[in-house]
Amino acid sequence: QVQLVESGGDLVQAGGSLRLSCAVSGSIVSFNAMAWYRQAPGKQREKVAHITSSGATNYADSVKGRFAISRDNAKNLMYLQMNSLKPEDTAVYYCNFLSSPVPWGRGTQVTVAS
């Protein structure tokens, strides 16, 4: 069974940076497009970025130019480098497969203080 474990969230000041990690067990990451999502309090979960098996990336307009998604296929890991963080980036961040989602992990909390 595939398991997703997110980590790296923290409390940071506005303008700061964080690097989130997503560890995938039980599956071959390299053949699947994957994505980062986030859910802020009282809001629906939204897709932040995705990366295809060939490494092509796509970002939500709200994070374009500030966030960078990457993957390490050999280690079954995916990352989200977040720079110039804003208070509106505060949310629980999740990773999952883009086209065929599996059960969600616990996510990792990112809190950006103004």
C-alpha atoms as a PDB file:
ATOM      1  CA  GLN A   1       0.000   0.000   0.000  1.00  0.00           C
ATOM      2  CA  VAL A   2       1.286   3.430  -0.940  1.00  0.00           C
ATOM      3  CA  GLN A   3       2.012   5.779   1.928  1.00  0.00           C
ATOM      4  CA  LEU A   4       2.741   9.494   1.747  1.00  0.00           C
ATOM      5  CA  VAL A   5       4.629  11.303   4.497  1.00  0.00           C
ATOM      6  CA  GLU A   6       5.070  15.056   4.358  1.00  0.00           C
ATOM      7  CA  SER A   7       7.591  16.932   6.474  1.00  0.00           C
ATOM      8  CA  GLY A   8       9.425  20.224   6.760  1.00  0.00           C
ATOM      9  CA  GLY A   9       6.645  22.545   7.824  1.00  0.00           C
ATOM     10  CA  ASP A  10       7.354  25.177  10.446  1.00  0.00           C
ATOM     11  CA  LEU A  11       6.537  28.650  11.743  1.00  0.00           C
ATOM     12  CA  VAL A  12       8.420  31.306   9.788  1.00  0.00           C
ATOM     13  CA  GLN A  13       8.333  35.050   9.375  1.00  0.00           C
ATOM     14  CA  ALA A  14       7.004  36.603   6.208  1.00  0.00           C
ATOM     15  CA  GLY A  15       9.721  36.679   3.582  1.00  0.00           C
ATOM     16  CA  GLY A  16      11.310  33.515   4.906  1.00  0.00           C
ATOM     17  CA  SER A  17      11.863  30.162   3.242  1.00  0.00           C
ATOM     18  CA  LEU A  18      11.023  26.532   3.876  1.00  0.00           C
ATOM     19  CA  ARG A  19      11.675  23.271   2.093  1.00  0.00           C
ATOM     20  CA  LEU A  20       9.004  20.615   2.305  1.00  0.00           C
ATOM     21  CA  SER A  21       9.646  16.949   1.615  1.00  0.00           C
ATOM     22  CA  CYS A  22       7.316  14.165   0.538  1.00  0.00           C
ATOM     23  CA  ALA A  23       8.394  10.588   1.071  1.00  0.00           C
ATOM     24  CA  VAL A  24       6.577   7.932  -0.924  1.00  0.00           C
ATOM     25  CA  SER A  25       6.666   4.291   0.026  1.00  0.00           C
ATOM     26  CA  GLY A  26       5.182   1.343  -1.770  1.00  0.00           C
ATOM     27  CA  SER A  27       5.286   2.780  -5.263  1.00  0.00           C
ATOM     28  CA  ILE A  28       7.611   3.888  -8.011  1.00  0.00           C
ATOM     29  CA  VAL A  29       7.557   7.646  -7.943  1.00  0.00           C
ATOM     30  CA  SER A  30       9.457   8.128 -11.140  1.00  0.00           C
ATOM     31  CA  PHE A  31       6.617   6.948 -13.393  1.00  0.00           C
ATOM     32  CA  ASN A  32       3.924   9.151 -11.920  1.00  0.00           C
ATOM     33  CA  ALA A  33       3.178  12.845 -11.971  1.00  0.00           C
ATOM     34  CA  MET A  34       2.964  14.184  -8.453  1.00  0.00           C
ATOM     35  CA  ALA A  35       1.658  17.355  -6.877  1.00  0.00           C
ATOM     36  CA  TRP A  36       1.726  19.501  -3.786  1.00  0.00           C
ATOM     37  CA  TYR A  37      -1.573  20.712  -2.375  1.00  0.00           C
ATOM     38  CA  ARG A  38      -2.491  22.941   0.529  1.00  0.00           C
ATOM     39  CA  GLN A  39      -5.523  23.542   2.669  1.00  0.00           C
ATOM     40  CA  ALA A  40      -5.952  26.693   4.696  1.00  0.00           C
ATOM     41  CA  PRO A  41      -8.442  26.882   7.583  1.00  0.00           C
ATOM     42  CA  GLY A  42     -11.984  27.154   6.274  1.00  0.00           C
ATOM     43  CA  LYS A  43     -10.917  26.705   2.664  1.00  0.00           C
ATOM     44  CA  GLN A  44     -10.895  23.860   0.179  1.00  0.00           C
ATOM     45  CA  ARG A  45      -7.743  22.002  -0.662  1.00  0.00           C
ATOM     46  CA  GLU A  46      -5.989  23.534  -3.667  1.00  0.00           C
ATOM     47  CA  LYS A  47      -3.189  22.377  -5.917  1.00  0.00           C
ATOM     48  CA  VAL A  48      -0.022  24.404  -5.511  1.00  0.00           C
ATOM     49  CA  ALA A  49       2.268  22.750  -8.052  1.00  0.00           C
ATOM     50  CA  HIS A  50       2.819  19.546  -9.934  1.00  0.00           C
ATOM     51  CA  ILE A  51       5.726  17.789 -11.610  1.00  0.00           C
ATOM     52  CA  THR A  52       5.446  15.183 -14.342  1.00  0.00           C
ATOM     53  CA  SER A  53       7.481  12.033 -14.752  1.00  0.00           C
ATOM     54  CA  SER A  54       9.674  13.884 -17.256  1.00  0.00           C
ATOM     55  CA  GLY A  55      10.247  16.777 -14.887  1.00  0.00           C
ATOM     56  CA  ALA A  56       7.896  19.349 -16.398  1.00  0.00           C
ATOM     57  CA  THR A  57       6.432  21.625 -13.750  1.00  0.00           C
ATOM     58  CA  ASN A  58       3.336  23.735 -13.299  1.00  0.00           C
ATOM     59  CA  TYR A  59       2.444  26.245 -10.584  1.00  0.00           C
ATOM     60  CA  ALA A  60      -0.594  28.006  -9.270  1.00  0.00           C
ATOM     61  CA  ASP A  61      -0.486  31.711 -10.076  1.00  0.00           C
ATOM     62  CA  SER A  62      -0.355  32.533  -6.371  1.00  0.00           C
ATOM     63  CA  VAL A  63       3.021  30.822  -5.934  1.00  0.00           C
ATOM     64  CA  LYS A  64       4.602  31.229  -9.347  1.00  0.00           C
ATOM     65  CA  GLY A  65       8.104  32.637  -9.068  1.00  0.00           C
ATOM     66  CA  ARG A  66       8.319  31.891  -5.342  1.00  0.00           C
ATOM     67  CA  PHE A  67       7.919  28.107  -5.080  1.00  0.00           C
ATOM     68  CA  ALA A  68       9.858  25.363  -6.848  1.00  0.00           C
ATOM     69  CA  ILE A  69       8.848  21.718  -7.054  1.00  0.00           C
ATOM     70  CA  SER A  70      11.394  18.969  -7.654  1.00  0.00           C
ATOM     71  CA  ARG A  71      11.786  15.239  -7.284  1.00  0.00           C
ATOM     72  CA  ASP A  72      14.463  12.657  -6.572  1.00  0.00           C
ATOM     73  CA  ASN A  73      13.291   9.510  -8.314  1.00  0.00           C
ATOM     74  CA  ALA A  74      16.107   7.394  -6.942  1.00  0.00           C
ATOM     75  CA  LYS A  75      14.991   8.167  -3.384  1.00  0.00           C
ATOM     76  CA  ASN A  76      11.230   8.288  -3.996  1.00  0.00           C
ATOM     77  CA  LEU A  77      11.170  11.848  -2.707  1.00  0.00           C
ATOM     78  CA  MET A  78       9.522  15.048  -3.851  1.00  0.00           C
ATOM     79  CA  TYR A  79      10.286  18.542  -2.597  1.00  0.00           C
ATOM     80  CA  LEU A  80       8.730  21.973  -2.482  1.00  0.00           C
ATOM     81  CA  GLN A  81      11.121  24.878  -2.005  1.00  0.00           C
ATOM     82  CA  MET A  82       9.135  27.858  -0.785  1.00  0.00           C
ATOM     83  CA  ASN A  83      10.703  31.313  -0.832  1.00  0.00           C
ATOM     84  CA  SER A  84       9.378  34.798  -0.089  1.00  0.00           C
ATOM     85  CA  LEU A  85       6.653  33.275   2.051  1.00  0.00           C
ATOM     86  CA  LYS A  86       3.535  35.305   2.741  1.00  0.00           C
ATOM     87  CA  PRO A  87       0.946  35.005   5.529  1.00  0.00           C
ATOM     88  CA  GLU A  88      -1.546  33.764   2.933  1.00  0.00           C
ATOM     89  CA  ASP A  89       0.695  30.735   2.360  1.00  0.00           C
ATOM     90  CA  THR A  90      -0.282  29.505   5.821  1.00  0.00           C
ATOM     91  CA  ALA A  91      -1.878  26.081   5.394  1.00  0.00           C
ATOM     92  CA  VAL A  92      -1.407  22.360   5.828  1.00  0.00           C
ATOM     93  CA  TYR A  93       0.572  21.105   2.846  1.00  0.00           C
ATOM     94  CA  TYR A  94       0.005  17.668   1.333  1.00  0.00           C
ATOM     95  CA  CYS A  95       1.517  15.670  -1.485  1.00  0.00           C
ATOM     96  CA  ASN A  96      -0.168  13.118  -3.714  1.00  0.00           C
ATOM     97  CA  PHE A  97      -0.168  11.626  -7.160  1.00  0.00           C
ATOM     98  CA  LEU A  98      -1.694  13.971  -9.709  1.00  0.00           C
ATOM     99  CA  SER A  99      -3.912  11.667 -11.761  1.00  0.00           C
ATOM    100  CA  SER A 100      -4.661   8.797  -9.402  1.00  0.00           C
ATOM    101  CA  PRO A 101      -4.576  10.067  -5.824  1.00  0.00           C
ATOM    102  CA  VAL A 102      -3.981   7.621  -3.004  1.00  0.00           C
ATOM    103  CA  PRO A 103      -5.085   8.056   0.636  1.00  0.00           C
ATOM    104  CA  TRP A 104      -3.856  11.405   1.900  1.00  0.00           C
ATOM    105  CA  GLY A 105      -1.058  11.682   4.423  1.00  0.00           C
ATOM    106  CA  ARG A 106      -1.206  13.825   7.542  1.00  0.00           C
ATOM    107  CA  GLY A 107       0.317  16.814   5.823  1.00  0.00           C
ATOM    108  CA  THR A 108       2.769  19.301   7.278  1.00  0.00           C
ATOM    109  CA  GLN A 109       1.778  22.628   8.829  1.00  0.00           C
ATOM    110  CA  VAL A 110       3.252  25.814   7.402  1.00  0.00           C
ATOM    111  CA  THR A 111       2.561  28.982   9.347  1.00  0.00           C
ATOM    112  CA  VAL A 112       3.794  32.335   8.078  1.00  0.00           C
ATOM    113  CA  ALA A 113       3.719  35.162  10.590  1.00  0.00           C
ATOM    114  CA  SER A 114       3.360  38.726   9.414  1.00  0.00           C
END
